[in-house]
Amino acid sequence: MKAVLIPGDGIGREIVGSVTRLSEALGTGIEWETYEAGAEYAAETGALLQPGLEQAVTASGWALKGPTATPIGGGFRSVNVMLRQMFTTYANLRPVQSVPGVVTRYSDVDLVIVRENTEDLYKGIEYMVTDDIANGVKLITREASERICRFAFDYARKNGRKKVTCIHKANIQKLTDGLFLRSFRKVAEEYPELEANDVIIDAFCMKLVQDPAQFDVLVAPNLYGDIISDLCAGLVGGLGFAPSANIGDTVRIYEAVHGSAPDIAGQNKANPTALLLAFGMMLRDLGMADKAARLEEAIFAVLREGKTVTADVGGQASTTAFTEAVAARL
């Protein structure tokens, strides 16, 4: 089968190389079609996406993407957001689990964040009212809210989860978050076997760091989902262990949650674990659960051993050395 590979910016090309190396070692049979996107490609060509990328992703329905850089306070819009809206990958699935060999305050974290991926403030509707006043529109629709909540409950049902929690700020954002919360409660009625509750975003952050075990599946509007998934990643060692999938009706794009890390780009220092775990998610969705399990077991074995790990987890190994250690385990 064919899948699109998007190296992205910064460390992207290095960690994407880990994926292709281990894909070959696993014998997945995936034929990768590489297309460029991001700030580095834009600097060279003036375009954010390589011509043909949209058609290739549409044709295959599968893509794996390295991190892309987004300028702060100006410049072009996020390539991540552009791709999510282009292919209507409305659900951003971000599992967060304790990683063997990575010592943190908690050892039993097992959470899944389901983030609405197409609207909210990330819609990018903002404008200058005057030279001194900027306004941004927080767009929340019933259709998108019910769709993402149903996705969260479906995921919980199919994966043996027990509870779905809605994260919101409906006490202040009474219309926008209020609509999201009402949509959640309506959809929850269709899943009587699952526990459903809701928590205000600021209270949730406190409760999460006190005891993450009280939560299971979390569903949230776009901005809150982005923030809490980084917070959850911090519970298991950081963004280097946080994979994600952008899921739509016809297209799925897999990526690490972390950014392009330009400070270490080109130095063969990056930890590829997050993108490799995202690749594992992709393999499961492709019906290769056995290969995904082998990949994850190999990664965790190398991390547990601790001899060939990257600097972010206290080692001195290069990206290549870590990848080869995982390949040897396979």
C-alpha atoms as a PDB file:
ATOM      1  CA  MET A   1       0.000   0.000   0.000  1.00  0.00           C
ATOM      2  CA  LYS A   2       0.984   3.628  -0.465  1.00  0.00           C
ATOM      3  CA  ALA A   3       1.171   6.316   2.211  1.00  0.00           C
ATOM      4  CA  VAL A   4       2.372   9.900   2.090  1.00  0.00           C
ATOM      5  CA  LEU A   5       5.429  10.900   4.123  1.00  0.00           C
ATOM      6  CA  ILE A   6       5.868  14.578   5.039  1.00  0.00           C
ATOM      7  CA  PRO A   7       9.290  15.236   6.644  1.00  0.00           C
ATOM      8  CA  GLY A   8       8.418  18.781   7.776  1.00  0.00           C
ATOM      9  CA  ASP A   9      10.884  21.149   9.434  1.00  0.00           C
ATOM     10  CA  GLY A  10      13.738  21.022  11.937  1.00  0.00           C
ATOM     11  CA  ILE A  11      14.237  17.511  13.305  1.00  0.00           C
ATOM     12  CA  GLY A  12      11.474  16.192  11.063  1.00  0.00           C
ATOM     13  CA  ARG A  13      13.691  14.601   8.450  1.00  0.00           C
ATOM     14  CA  GLU A  14      15.746  12.798  11.101  1.00  0.00           C
ATOM     15  CA  ILE A  15      12.821  11.270  13.002  1.00  0.00           C
ATOM     16  CA  VAL A  16      10.923  10.455   9.810  1.00  0.00           C
ATOM     17  CA  GLY A  17      14.022   8.501   8.822  1.00  0.00           C
ATOM     18  CA  SER A  18      13.547   6.414  11.970  1.00  0.00           C
ATOM     19  CA  VAL A  19      10.035   5.553  10.835  1.00  0.00           C
ATOM     20  CA  THR A  20      11.068   4.428   7.354  1.00  0.00           C
ATOM     21  CA  ARG A  21      13.954   2.393   8.773  1.00  0.00           C
ATOM     22  CA  LEU A  22      11.740   0.529  11.234  1.00  0.00           C
ATOM     23  CA  SER A  23       8.895   0.201   8.733  1.00  0.00           C
ATOM     24  CA  GLU A  24      11.323  -1.718   6.556  1.00  0.00           C
ATOM     25  CA  ALA A  25      12.589  -3.781   9.511  1.00  0.00           C
ATOM     26  CA  LEU A  26       9.001  -4.743  10.368  1.00  0.00           C
ATOM     27  CA  GLY A  27       8.213  -5.701   6.788  1.00  0.00           C
ATOM     28  CA  THR A  28       5.106  -3.509   6.630  1.00  0.00           C
ATOM     29  CA  GLY A  29       5.133  -3.310   2.835  1.00  0.00           C
ATOM     30  CA  ILE A  30       4.258   0.393   2.986  1.00  0.00           C
ATOM     31  CA  GLU A  31       5.411   2.340  -0.074  1.00  0.00           C
ATOM     32  CA  TRP A  32       6.173   5.893   1.068  1.00  0.00           C
ATOM     33  CA  GLU A  33       5.576   8.867  -1.233  1.00  0.00           C
ATOM     34  CA  THR A  34       7.502  11.870   0.099  1.00  0.00           C
ATOM     35  CA  TYR A  35       6.131  15.405  -0.171  1.00  0.00           C
ATOM     36  CA  GLU A  36       7.467  18.582   1.404  1.00  0.00           C
ATOM     37  CA  ALA A  37       5.563  21.049   3.562  1.00  0.00           C
ATOM     38  CA  GLY A  38       6.429  23.694   6.127  1.00  0.00           C
ATOM     39  CA  ALA A  39       8.587  26.720   6.780  1.00  0.00           C
ATOM     40  CA  GLU A  40      11.786  25.370   5.236  1.00  0.00           C
ATOM     41  CA  TYR A  41      10.033  24.428   2.014  1.00  0.00           C
ATOM     42  CA  ALA A  42       8.325  27.848   1.983  1.00  0.00           C
ATOM     43  CA  ALA A  43      11.680  29.598   2.380  1.00  0.00           C
ATOM     44  CA  GLU A  44      12.963  27.798  -0.707  1.00  0.00           C
ATOM     45  CA  THR A  45       9.894  27.970  -2.936  1.00  0.00           C
ATOM     46  CA  GLY A  46       7.443  30.502  -1.491  1.00  0.00           C
ATOM     47  CA  ALA A  47       4.799  27.772  -1.097  1.00  0.00           C
ATOM     48  CA  LEU A  48       3.868  25.991   2.129  1.00  0.00           C
ATOM     49  CA  LEU A  49       2.877  22.722   0.446  1.00  0.00           C
ATOM     50  CA  GLN A  50       4.597  20.923  -2.414  1.00  0.00           C
ATOM     51  CA  PRO A  51       2.368  20.639  -5.474  1.00  0.00           C
ATOM     52  CA  GLY A  52       0.694  17.255  -5.590  1.00  0.00           C
ATOM     53  CA  LEU A  53       0.626  16.741  -1.812  1.00  0.00           C
ATOM     54  CA  GLU A  54      -3.107  17.306  -1.488  1.00  0.00           C
ATOM     55  CA  GLN A  55      -3.880  14.926  -4.341  1.00  0.00           C
ATOM     56  CA  ALA A  56      -1.502  12.255  -3.003  1.00  0.00           C
ATOM     57  CA  VAL A  57      -2.988  12.315   0.502  1.00  0.00           C
ATOM     58  CA  THR A  58      -6.517  12.254  -0.913  1.00  0.00           C
ATOM     59  CA  ALA A  59      -5.660   9.306  -3.137  1.00  0.00           C
ATOM     60  CA  SER A  60      -4.018   7.142  -0.453  1.00  0.00           C
ATOM     61  CA  GLY A  61      -5.972   8.320   2.593  1.00  0.00           C
ATOM     62  CA  TRP A  62      -2.905   7.770   4.805  1.00  0.00           C
ATOM     63  CA  ALA A  63      -0.078  10.113   5.781  1.00  0.00           C
ATOM     64  CA  LEU A  64       2.638  10.364   8.400  1.00  0.00           C
ATOM     65  CA  LYS A  65       4.018  13.812   9.096  1.00  0.00           C
ATOM     66  CA  GLY A  66       7.061  15.222  10.827  1.00  0.00           C
ATOM     67  CA  PRO A  67       6.781  18.453  12.852  1.00  0.00           C
ATOM     68  CA  THR A  68       6.403  21.775  11.055  1.00  0.00           C
ATOM     69  CA  ALA A  69       7.384  25.202  12.357  1.00  0.00           C
ATOM     70  CA  THR A  70       4.882  28.044  12.779  1.00  0.00           C
ATOM     71  CA  PRO A  71       6.005  31.682  13.124  1.00  0.00           C
ATOM     72  CA  ILE A  72       4.896  33.454  16.302  1.00  0.00           C
ATOM     73  CA  GLY A  73       2.900  36.685  16.154  1.00  0.00           C
ATOM     74  CA  GLY A  74       2.868  36.963  12.363  1.00  0.00           C
ATOM     75  CA  GLY A  75       3.724  35.221   9.112  1.00  0.00           C
ATOM     76  CA  PHE A  76       1.878  32.240   7.648  1.00  0.00           C
ATOM     77  CA  ARG A  77      -0.757  30.134   9.373  1.00  0.00           C
ATOM     78  CA  SER A  78       0.067  26.788  10.949  1.00  0.00           C
ATOM     79  CA  VAL A  79       0.645  24.043   8.380  1.00  0.00           C
ATOM     80  CA  ASN A  80      -0.793  21.581  10.906  1.00  0.00           C
ATOM     81  CA  VAL A  81      -4.053  23.520  11.076  1.00  0.00           C
ATOM     82  CA  MET A  82      -4.058  23.975   7.292  1.00  0.00           C
ATOM     83  CA  LEU A  83      -3.809  20.218   6.690  1.00  0.00           C
ATOM     84  CA  ARG A  84      -6.438  19.372   9.302  1.00  0.00           C
ATOM     85  CA  GLN A  85      -8.911  21.757   7.733  1.00  0.00           C
ATOM     86  CA  MET A  86      -7.961  20.780   4.179  1.00  0.00           C
ATOM     87  CA  PHE A  87      -8.791  17.116   4.791  1.00  0.00           C
ATOM     88  CA  THR A  88     -11.467  17.638   7.495  1.00  0.00           C
ATOM     89  CA  THR A  89      -9.597  15.446   9.953  1.00  0.00           C
ATOM     90  CA  TYR A  90     -12.003  16.530  12.653  1.00  0.00           C
ATOM     91  CA  ALA A  91     -10.733  14.303  15.477  1.00  0.00           C
ATOM     92  CA  ASN A  92      -7.283  14.686  16.996  1.00  0.00           C
ATOM     93  CA  LEU A  93      -6.646  11.505  18.991  1.00  0.00           C
ATOM     94  CA  ARG A  94      -3.836  11.773  21.546  1.00  0.00           C
ATOM     95  CA  PRO A  95      -3.233   8.767  23.816  1.00  0.00           C
ATOM     96  CA  VAL A  96      -0.991   9.400  26.821  1.00  0.00           C
ATOM     97  CA  GLN A  97       0.435   6.421  28.695  1.00  0.00           C
ATOM     98  CA  SER A  98       3.285   5.874  31.132  1.00  0.00           C
ATOM     99  CA  VAL A  99       6.358   4.696  29.240  1.00  0.00           C
ATOM    100  CA  PRO A 100       8.459   1.802  30.575  1.00  0.00           C
ATOM    101  CA  GLY A 101      11.943   3.007  31.442  1.00  0.00           C
ATOM    102  CA  VAL A 102      10.933   6.672  31.758  1.00  0.00           C
ATOM    103  CA  VAL A 103      10.776   7.651  35.425  1.00  0.00           C
ATOM    104  CA  THR A 104       8.140  10.272  36.316  1.00  0.00           C
ATOM    105  CA  ARG A 105       6.029  11.186  39.331  1.00  0.00           C
ATOM    106  CA  TYR A 106       3.275   8.827  38.141  1.00  0.00           C
ATOM    107  CA  SER A 107       3.767   5.289  36.870  1.00  0.00           C
ATOM    108  CA  ASP A 108       0.227   4.337  35.821  1.00  0.00           C
ATOM    109  CA  VAL A 109      -1.008   7.146  33.563  1.00  0.00           C
ATOM    110  CA  ASP A 110      -3.422   5.900  30.902  1.00  0.00           C
ATOM    111  CA  LEU A 111      -5.406   8.720  29.305  1.00  0.00           C
ATOM    112  CA  VAL A 112      -6.831   9.470  25.871  1.00  0.00           C
ATOM    113  CA  ILE A 113      -7.459  13.036  24.715  1.00  0.00           C
ATOM    114  CA  VAL A 114      -9.999  13.525  21.930  1.00  0.00           C
ATOM    115  CA  ARG A 115      -9.612  17.062  20.609  1.00  0.00           C
ATOM    116  CA  GLU A 116     -11.976  18.754  18.186  1.00  0.00           C
ATOM    117  CA  ASN A 117      -9.754  19.632  15.261  1.00  0.00           C
ATOM    118  CA  THR A 118     -11.501  21.989  12.845  1.00  0.00           C
ATOM    119  CA  GLU A 119     -12.959  25.031  14.619  1.00  0.00           C
ATOM    120  CA  ASP A 120     -12.803  27.075  17.862  1.00  0.00           C
ATOM    121  CA  LEU A 121     -10.161  29.839  17.911  1.00  0.00           C
ATOM    122  CA  TYR A 122      -7.990  27.705  15.615  1.00  0.00           C
ATOM    123  CA  LYS A 123     -10.366  28.559  12.790  1.00  0.00           C
ATOM    124  CA  GLY A 124      -8.179  31.631  12.448  1.00  0.00           C
ATOM    125  CA  ILE A 125     -10.979  34.197  12.185  1.00  0.00           C
ATOM    126  CA  GLU A 126      -9.316  37.296  13.603  1.00  0.00           C
ATOM    127  CA  TYR A 127      -9.021  40.897  12.518  1.00  0.00           C
ATOM    128  CA  MET A 128      -7.984  44.352  13.663  1.00  0.00           C
ATOM    129  CA  VAL A 129     -10.933  46.486  14.782  1.00  0.00           C
ATOM    130  CA  THR A 130      -8.633  49.510  15.081  1.00  0.00           C
ATOM    131  CA  ASP A 131      -4.875  49.831  15.247  1.00  0.00           C
ATOM    132  CA  ASP A 132      -5.125  49.143  18.967  1.00  0.00           C
ATOM    133  CA  ILE A 133      -7.862  46.483  19.133  1.00  0.00           C
ATOM    134  CA  ALA A 134      -7.613  42.940  17.807  1.00  0.00           C
ATOM    135  CA  ASN A 135     -10.578  40.571  17.775  1.00  0.00           C
ATOM    136  CA  GLY A 136     -10.652  36.788  17.408  1.00  0.00           C
ATOM    137  CA  VAL A 137     -13.807  34.751  16.787  1.00  0.00           C
ATOM    138  CA  LYS A 138     -14.352  31.557  18.769  1.00  0.00           C
ATOM    139  CA  LEU A 139     -16.456  29.454  16.412  1.00  0.00           C
ATOM    140  CA  ILE A 140     -18.279  26.465  17.932  1.00  0.00           C
ATOM    141  CA  THR A 141     -20.984  24.615  15.996  1.00  0.00           C
ATOM    142  CA  ARG A 142     -23.476  21.997  17.142  1.00  0.00           C
ATOM    143  CA  GLU A 143     -22.569  19.728  14.221  1.00  0.00           C
ATOM    144  CA  ALA A 144     -18.839  19.643  14.986  1.00  0.00           C
ATOM    145  CA  SER A 145     -19.423  19.401  18.740  1.00  0.00           C
ATOM    146  CA  GLU A 146     -21.752  16.419  18.467  1.00  0.00           C
ATOM    147  CA  ARG A 147     -19.445  14.772  15.926  1.00  0.00           C
ATOM    148  CA  ILE A 148     -16.370  14.950  18.166  1.00  0.00           C
ATOM    149  CA  CYS A 149     -18.283  13.891  21.276  1.00  0.00           C
ATOM    150  CA  ARG A 150     -19.713  10.898  19.430  1.00  0.00           C
ATOM    151  CA  PHE A 151     -16.206  10.019  18.267  1.00  0.00           C
ATOM    152  CA  ALA A 152     -15.016  10.101  21.904  1.00  0.00           C
ATOM    153  CA  PHE A 153     -17.847   7.863  23.131  1.00  0.00           C
ATOM    154  CA  ASP A 154     -17.404   5.479  20.197  1.00  0.00           C
ATOM    155  CA  TYR A 155     -13.699   5.245  20.938  1.00  0.00           C
ATOM    156  CA  ALA A 156     -14.403   4.552  24.622  1.00  0.00           C
ATOM    157  CA  ARG A 157     -16.934   1.834  23.763  1.00  0.00           C
ATOM    158  CA  LYS A 158     -14.702   0.108  21.204  1.00  0.00           C
ATOM    159  CA  ASN A 159     -11.598   0.201  23.398  1.00  0.00           C
ATOM    160  CA  GLY A 160     -13.067  -0.941  26.705  1.00  0.00           C
ATOM    161  CA  ARG A 161     -12.917   2.452  28.368  1.00  0.00           C
ATOM    162  CA  LYS A 162     -15.264   3.294  31.230  1.00  0.00           C
ATOM    163  CA  LYS A 163     -15.665   7.065  31.364  1.00  0.00           C
ATOM    164  CA  VAL A 164     -15.707  10.121  29.100  1.00  0.00           C
ATOM    165  CA  THR A 165     -15.080  13.582  30.570  1.00  0.00           C
ATOM    166  CA  CYS A 166     -15.936  16.828  28.794  1.00  0.00           C
ATOM    167  CA  ILE A 167     -13.482  19.707  29.406  1.00  0.00           C
ATOM    168  CA  HIS A 168     -14.990  23.184  29.051  1.00  0.00           C
ATOM    169  CA  LYS A 169     -15.342  26.706  30.429  1.00  0.00           C
ATOM    170  CA  ALA A 170     -19.113  26.969  30.106  1.00  0.00           C
ATOM    171  CA  ASN A 171     -19.416  28.960  33.323  1.00  0.00           C
ATOM    172  CA  ILE A 172     -17.804  31.915  31.522  1.00  0.00           C
ATOM    173  CA  GLN A 173     -18.119  31.098  27.813  1.00  0.00           C
ATOM    174  CA  LYS A 174     -21.828  30.414  28.177  1.00  0.00           C
ATOM    175  CA  LEU A 175     -22.755  30.372  24.486  1.00  0.00           C
ATOM    176  CA  THR A 176     -19.732  28.726  22.849  1.00  0.00           C
ATOM    177  CA  ASP A 177     -18.591  26.294  25.527  1.00  0.00           C
ATOM    178  CA  GLY A 178     -22.198  26.060  26.644  1.00  0.00           C
ATOM    179  CA  LEU A 179     -23.125  24.684  23.218  1.00  0.00           C
ATOM    180  CA  PHE A 180     -20.219  22.218  23.355  1.00  0.00           C
ATOM    181  CA  LEU A 181     -21.294  21.000  26.799  1.00  0.00           C
ATOM    182  CA  ARG A 182     -24.954  20.626  25.790  1.00  0.00           C
ATOM    183  CA  SER A 183     -23.856  18.655  22.737  1.00  0.00           C
ATOM    184  CA  PHE A 184     -21.771  16.389  24.973  1.00  0.00           C
ATOM    185  CA  ARG A 185     -24.670  15.719  27.314  1.00  0.00           C
ATOM    186  CA  LYS A 186     -27.000  14.965  24.415  1.00  0.00           C
ATOM    187  CA  VAL A 187     -24.584  12.467  22.860  1.00  0.00           C
ATOM    188  CA  ALA A 188     -23.863  10.881  26.257  1.00  0.00           C
ATOM    189  CA  GLU A 189     -27.471   9.708  26.420  1.00  0.00           C
ATOM    190  CA  GLU A 190     -26.733   7.360  23.496  1.00  0.00           C
ATOM    191  CA  TYR A 191     -24.081   5.521  25.573  1.00  0.00           C
ATOM    192  CA  PRO A 192     -25.772   4.587  28.866  1.00  0.00           C
ATOM    193  CA  GLU A 193     -23.131   1.981  29.729  1.00  0.00           C
ATOM    194  CA  LEU A 194     -20.413   4.653  29.900  1.00  0.00           C
ATOM    195  CA  GLU A 195     -19.937   7.130  32.731  1.00  0.00           C
ATOM    196  CA  ALA A 196     -20.075  10.733  31.521  1.00  0.00           C
ATOM    197  CA  ASN A 197     -19.084  13.835  33.456  1.00  0.00           C
ATOM    198  CA  ASP A 198     -17.716  17.305  32.821  1.00  0.00           C
ATOM    199  CA  VAL A 199     -15.034  19.465  34.446  1.00  0.00           C
ATOM    200  CA  ILE A 200     -14.196  23.156  34.025  1.00  0.00           C
ATOM    201  CA  ILE A 201     -10.798  23.502  32.346  1.00  0.00           C
ATOM    202  CA  ASP A 202      -8.953  25.244  35.193  1.00  0.00           C
ATOM    203  CA  ALA A 203     -10.288  22.841  37.821  1.00  0.00           C
ATOM    204  CA  PHE A 204      -9.400  19.954  35.529  1.00  0.00           C
ATOM    205  CA  CYS A 205      -5.737  21.038  35.384  1.00  0.00           C
ATOM    206  CA  MET A 206      -5.568  20.973  39.177  1.00  0.00           C
ATOM    207  CA  LYS A 207      -7.326  17.618  39.451  1.00  0.00           C
ATOM    208  CA  LEU A 208      -5.137  16.106  36.747  1.00  0.00           C
ATOM    209  CA  VAL A 209      -1.849  16.788  38.498  1.00  0.00           C
ATOM    210  CA  GLN A 210      -3.315  15.648  41.826  1.00  0.00           C
ATOM    211  CA  ASP A 211      -4.481  12.282  40.496  1.00  0.00           C
ATOM    212  CA  PRO A 212      -4.530  11.488  36.767  1.00  0.00           C
ATOM    213  CA  ALA A 213      -6.071   8.080  37.492  1.00  0.00           C
ATOM    214  CA  GLN A 214      -9.473   9.709  38.062  1.00  0.00           C
ATOM    215  CA  PHE A 215      -9.745  10.394  34.311  1.00  0.00           C
ATOM    216  CA  ASP A 216     -10.031   8.090  31.300  1.00  0.00           C
ATOM    217  CA  VAL A 217     -11.154   9.542  27.939  1.00  0.00           C
ATOM    218  CA  LEU A 218     -11.159  13.344  27.702  1.00  0.00           C
ATOM    219  CA  VAL A 219     -13.021  15.294  25.019  1.00  0.00           C
ATOM    220  CA  ALA A 220     -12.505  19.011  24.493  1.00  0.00           C
ATOM    221  CA  PRO A 221     -12.800  21.886  22.031  1.00  0.00           C
ATOM    222  CA  ASN A 222      -9.737  22.629  19.924  1.00  0.00           C
ATOM    223  CA  LEU A 223      -7.766  25.053  22.122  1.00  0.00           C
ATOM    224  CA  TYR A 224      -8.377  23.279  25.440  1.00  0.00           C
ATOM    225  CA  GLY A 225      -7.566  19.948  23.819  1.00  0.00           C
ATOM    226  CA  ASP A 226      -4.229  21.270  22.624  1.00  0.00           C
ATOM    227  CA  ILE A 227      -3.297  22.636  26.031  1.00  0.00           C
ATOM    228  CA  ILE A 228      -4.356  19.668  28.144  1.00  0.00           C
ATOM    229  CA  SER A 229      -2.652  17.154  25.853  1.00  0.00           C
ATOM    230  CA  ASP A 230       0.692  18.881  26.471  1.00  0.00           C
ATOM    231  CA  LEU A 231      -0.027  18.893  30.194  1.00  0.00           C
ATOM    232  CA  CYS A 232      -0.857  15.183  30.065  1.00  0.00           C
ATOM    233  CA  ALA A 233       2.356  14.533  28.109  1.00  0.00           C
ATOM    234  CA  GLY A 234       4.270  16.138  30.949  1.00  0.00           C
ATOM    235  CA  LEU A 235       2.967  13.420  33.263  1.00  0.00           C
ATOM    236  CA  VAL A 236       4.711  10.676  31.252  1.00  0.00           C
ATOM    237  CA  GLY A 237       8.047  12.312  30.485  1.00  0.00           C
ATOM    238  CA  GLY A 238       7.275  15.056  27.985  1.00  0.00           C
ATOM    239  CA  LEU A 239       6.317  15.616  24.378  1.00  0.00           C
ATOM    240  CA  GLY A 240       8.975  13.170  23.225  1.00  0.00           C
ATOM    241  CA  PHE A 241       6.531  10.402  24.179  1.00  0.00           C
ATOM    242  CA  ALA A 242       3.293  11.910  22.865  1.00  0.00           C
ATOM    243  CA  PRO A 243       1.889  10.555  19.568  1.00  0.00           C
ATOM    244  CA  SER A 244      -1.270  11.698  17.810  1.00  0.00           C
ATOM    245  CA  ALA A 245      -3.573  10.934  14.911  1.00  0.00           C
ATOM    246  CA  ASN A 246      -5.704  13.372  12.910  1.00  0.00           C
ATOM    247  CA  ILE A 247      -8.741  11.381  11.835  1.00  0.00           C
ATOM    248  CA  GLY A 248     -11.398  12.199   9.263  1.00  0.00           C
ATOM    249  CA  ASP A 249     -13.887  10.183   7.269  1.00  0.00           C
ATOM    250  CA  THR A 250     -11.488   9.485   4.394  1.00  0.00           C
ATOM    251  CA  VAL A 251      -8.020  10.679   5.514  1.00  0.00           C
ATOM    252  CA  ARG A 252      -5.792   9.982   8.521  1.00  0.00           C
ATOM    253  CA  ILE A 253      -2.603  11.914   9.269  1.00  0.00           C
ATOM    254  CA  TYR A 254      -0.284  10.697  12.039  1.00  0.00           C
ATOM    255  CA  GLU A 255       2.281  12.878  13.785  1.00  0.00           C
ATOM    256  CA  ALA A 256       4.135  13.578  17.012  1.00  0.00           C
ATOM    257  CA  VAL A 257       2.623  16.213  19.284  1.00  0.00           C
ATOM    258  CA  HIS A 258       5.959  18.019  19.679  1.00  0.00           C
ATOM    259  CA  GLY A 259       7.397  20.778  17.500  1.00  0.00           C
ATOM    260  CA  SER A 260      10.309  20.995  15.090  1.00  0.00           C
ATOM    261  CA  ALA A 261      13.045  21.670  17.735  1.00  0.00           C
ATOM    262  CA  PRO A 262      15.244  23.845  15.490  1.00  0.00           C
ATOM    263  CA  ASP A 263      17.873  24.138  18.243  1.00  0.00           C
ATOM    264  CA  ILE A 264      18.909  20.499  17.730  1.00  0.00           C
ATOM    265  CA  ALA A 265      17.973  20.067  14.070  1.00  0.00           C
ATOM    266  CA  GLY A 266      20.598  18.369  11.947  1.00  0.00           C
ATOM    267  CA  GLN A 267      22.565  17.170  14.982  1.00  0.00           C
ATOM    268  CA  ASN A 268      21.189  13.604  15.104  1.00  0.00           C
ATOM    269  CA  LYS A 269      20.086  14.164  18.717  1.00  0.00           C
ATOM    270  CA  ALA A 270      16.285  14.018  18.515  1.00  0.00           C
ATOM    271  CA  ASN A 271      14.232  11.381  20.276  1.00  0.00           C
ATOM    272  CA  PRO A 272      12.044   9.728  17.599  1.00  0.00           C
ATOM    273  CA  THR A 273       9.829   7.875  20.093  1.00  0.00           C
ATOM    274  CA  ALA A 274       6.725  10.068  19.750  1.00  0.00           C
ATOM    275  CA  LEU A 275       6.658   9.741  15.959  1.00  0.00           C
ATOM    276  CA  LEU A 276       7.384   6.019  16.192  1.00  0.00           C
ATOM    277  CA  LEU A 277       4.437   5.611  18.574  1.00  0.00           C
ATOM    278  CA  ALA A 278       2.309   7.579  16.101  1.00  0.00           C
ATOM    279  CA  PHE A 279       3.473   5.128  13.446  1.00  0.00           C
ATOM    280  CA  GLY A 280       2.325   2.354  15.767  1.00  0.00           C
ATOM    281  CA  MET A 281      -1.129   3.961  15.866  1.00  0.00           C
ATOM    282  CA  MET A 282      -1.092   4.019  12.077  1.00  0.00           C
ATOM    283  CA  LEU A 283      -0.149   0.344  11.863  1.00  0.00           C
ATOM    284  CA  ARG A 284      -3.043  -0.608  14.145  1.00  0.00           C
ATOM    285  CA  ASP A 285      -5.479   1.347  12.012  1.00  0.00           C
ATOM    286  CA  LEU A 286      -4.069  -0.422   8.942  1.00  0.00           C
ATOM    287  CA  GLY A 287      -4.844  -3.782  10.522  1.00  0.00           C
ATOM    288  CA  MET A 288      -1.225  -4.502  11.471  1.00  0.00           C
ATOM    289  CA  ALA A 289      -1.749  -4.706  15.242  1.00  0.00           C
ATOM    290  CA  ASP A 290       0.858  -7.437  15.571  1.00  0.00           C
ATOM    291  CA  LYS A 291       3.536  -5.258  13.955  1.00  0.00           C
ATOM    292  CA  ALA A 292       2.480  -2.267  16.081  1.00  0.00           C
ATOM    293  CA  ALA A 293       2.846  -4.366  19.225  1.00  0.00           C
ATOM    294  CA  ARG A 294       6.288  -5.587  18.139  1.00  0.00           C
ATOM    295  CA  LEU A 295       7.391  -2.015  17.446  1.00  0.00           C
ATOM    296  CA  GLU A 296       6.178  -0.744  20.813  1.00  0.00           C
ATOM    297  CA  GLU A 297       7.720  -3.665  22.705  1.00  0.00           C
ATOM    298  CA  ALA A 298      11.064  -3.028  21.007  1.00  0.00           C
ATOM    299  CA  ILE A 299      10.959   0.707  21.803  1.00  0.00           C
ATOM    300  CA  PHE A 300      10.063   0.066  25.446  1.00  0.00           C
ATOM    301  CA  ALA A 301      12.775  -2.589  25.772  1.00  0.00           C
ATOM    302  CA  VAL A 302      15.435  -0.116  24.624  1.00  0.00           C
ATOM    303  CA  LEU A 303      14.092   2.565  26.974  1.00  0.00           C
ATOM    304  CA  ARG A 304      13.978   0.152  29.920  1.00  0.00           C
ATOM    305  CA  GLU A 305      17.550  -0.960  29.280  1.00  0.00           C
ATOM    306  CA  GLY A 306      18.633   2.699  29.217  1.00  0.00           C
ATOM    307  CA  LYS A 307      21.953   2.128  27.428  1.00  0.00           C
ATOM    308  CA  THR A 308      21.055   3.537  24.017  1.00  0.00           C
ATOM    309  CA  VAL A 309      18.688   6.411  24.750  1.00  0.00           C
ATOM    310  CA  THR A 310      18.742  10.055  23.708  1.00  0.00           C
ATOM    311  CA  ALA A 311      19.714  13.047  25.833  1.00  0.00           C
ATOM    312  CA  ASP A 312      16.158  14.017  26.803  1.00  0.00           C
ATOM    313  CA  VAL A 313      15.934  10.834  28.908  1.00  0.00           C
ATOM    314  CA  GLY A 314      19.433  11.023  30.333  1.00  0.00           C
ATOM    315  CA  GLY A 315      21.397   9.209  27.654  1.00  0.00           C
ATOM    316  CA  GLN A 316      23.948  10.128  25.032  1.00  0.00           C
ATOM    317  CA  ALA A 317      22.747   8.109  22.048  1.00  0.00           C
ATOM    318  CA  SER A 318      22.078   9.638  18.665  1.00  0.00           C
ATOM    319  CA  THR A 319      18.773   9.377  16.839  1.00  0.00           C
ATOM    320  CA  THR A 320      20.384   6.819  14.544  1.00  0.00           C
ATOM    321  CA  ALA A 321      21.807   4.741  17.405  1.00  0.00           C
ATOM    322  CA  PHE A 322      18.459   4.633  19.199  1.00  0.00           C
ATOM    323  CA  THR A 323      16.713   3.626  15.979  1.00  0.00           C
ATOM    324  CA  GLU A 324      19.220   0.864  15.280  1.00  0.00           C
ATOM    325  CA  ALA A 325      18.857  -0.410  18.857  1.00  0.00           C
ATOM    326  CA  VAL A 326      15.104  -0.699  18.293  1.00  0.00           C
ATOM    327  CA  ALA A 327      15.712  -2.397  14.935  1.00  0.00           C
ATOM    328  CA  ALA A 328      18.020  -4.908  16.617  1.00  0.00           C
ATOM    329  CA  ARG A 329      15.257  -5.741  19.096  1.00  0.00           C
ATOM    330  CA  LEU A 330      12.901  -6.379  16.198  1.00  0.00           C
END
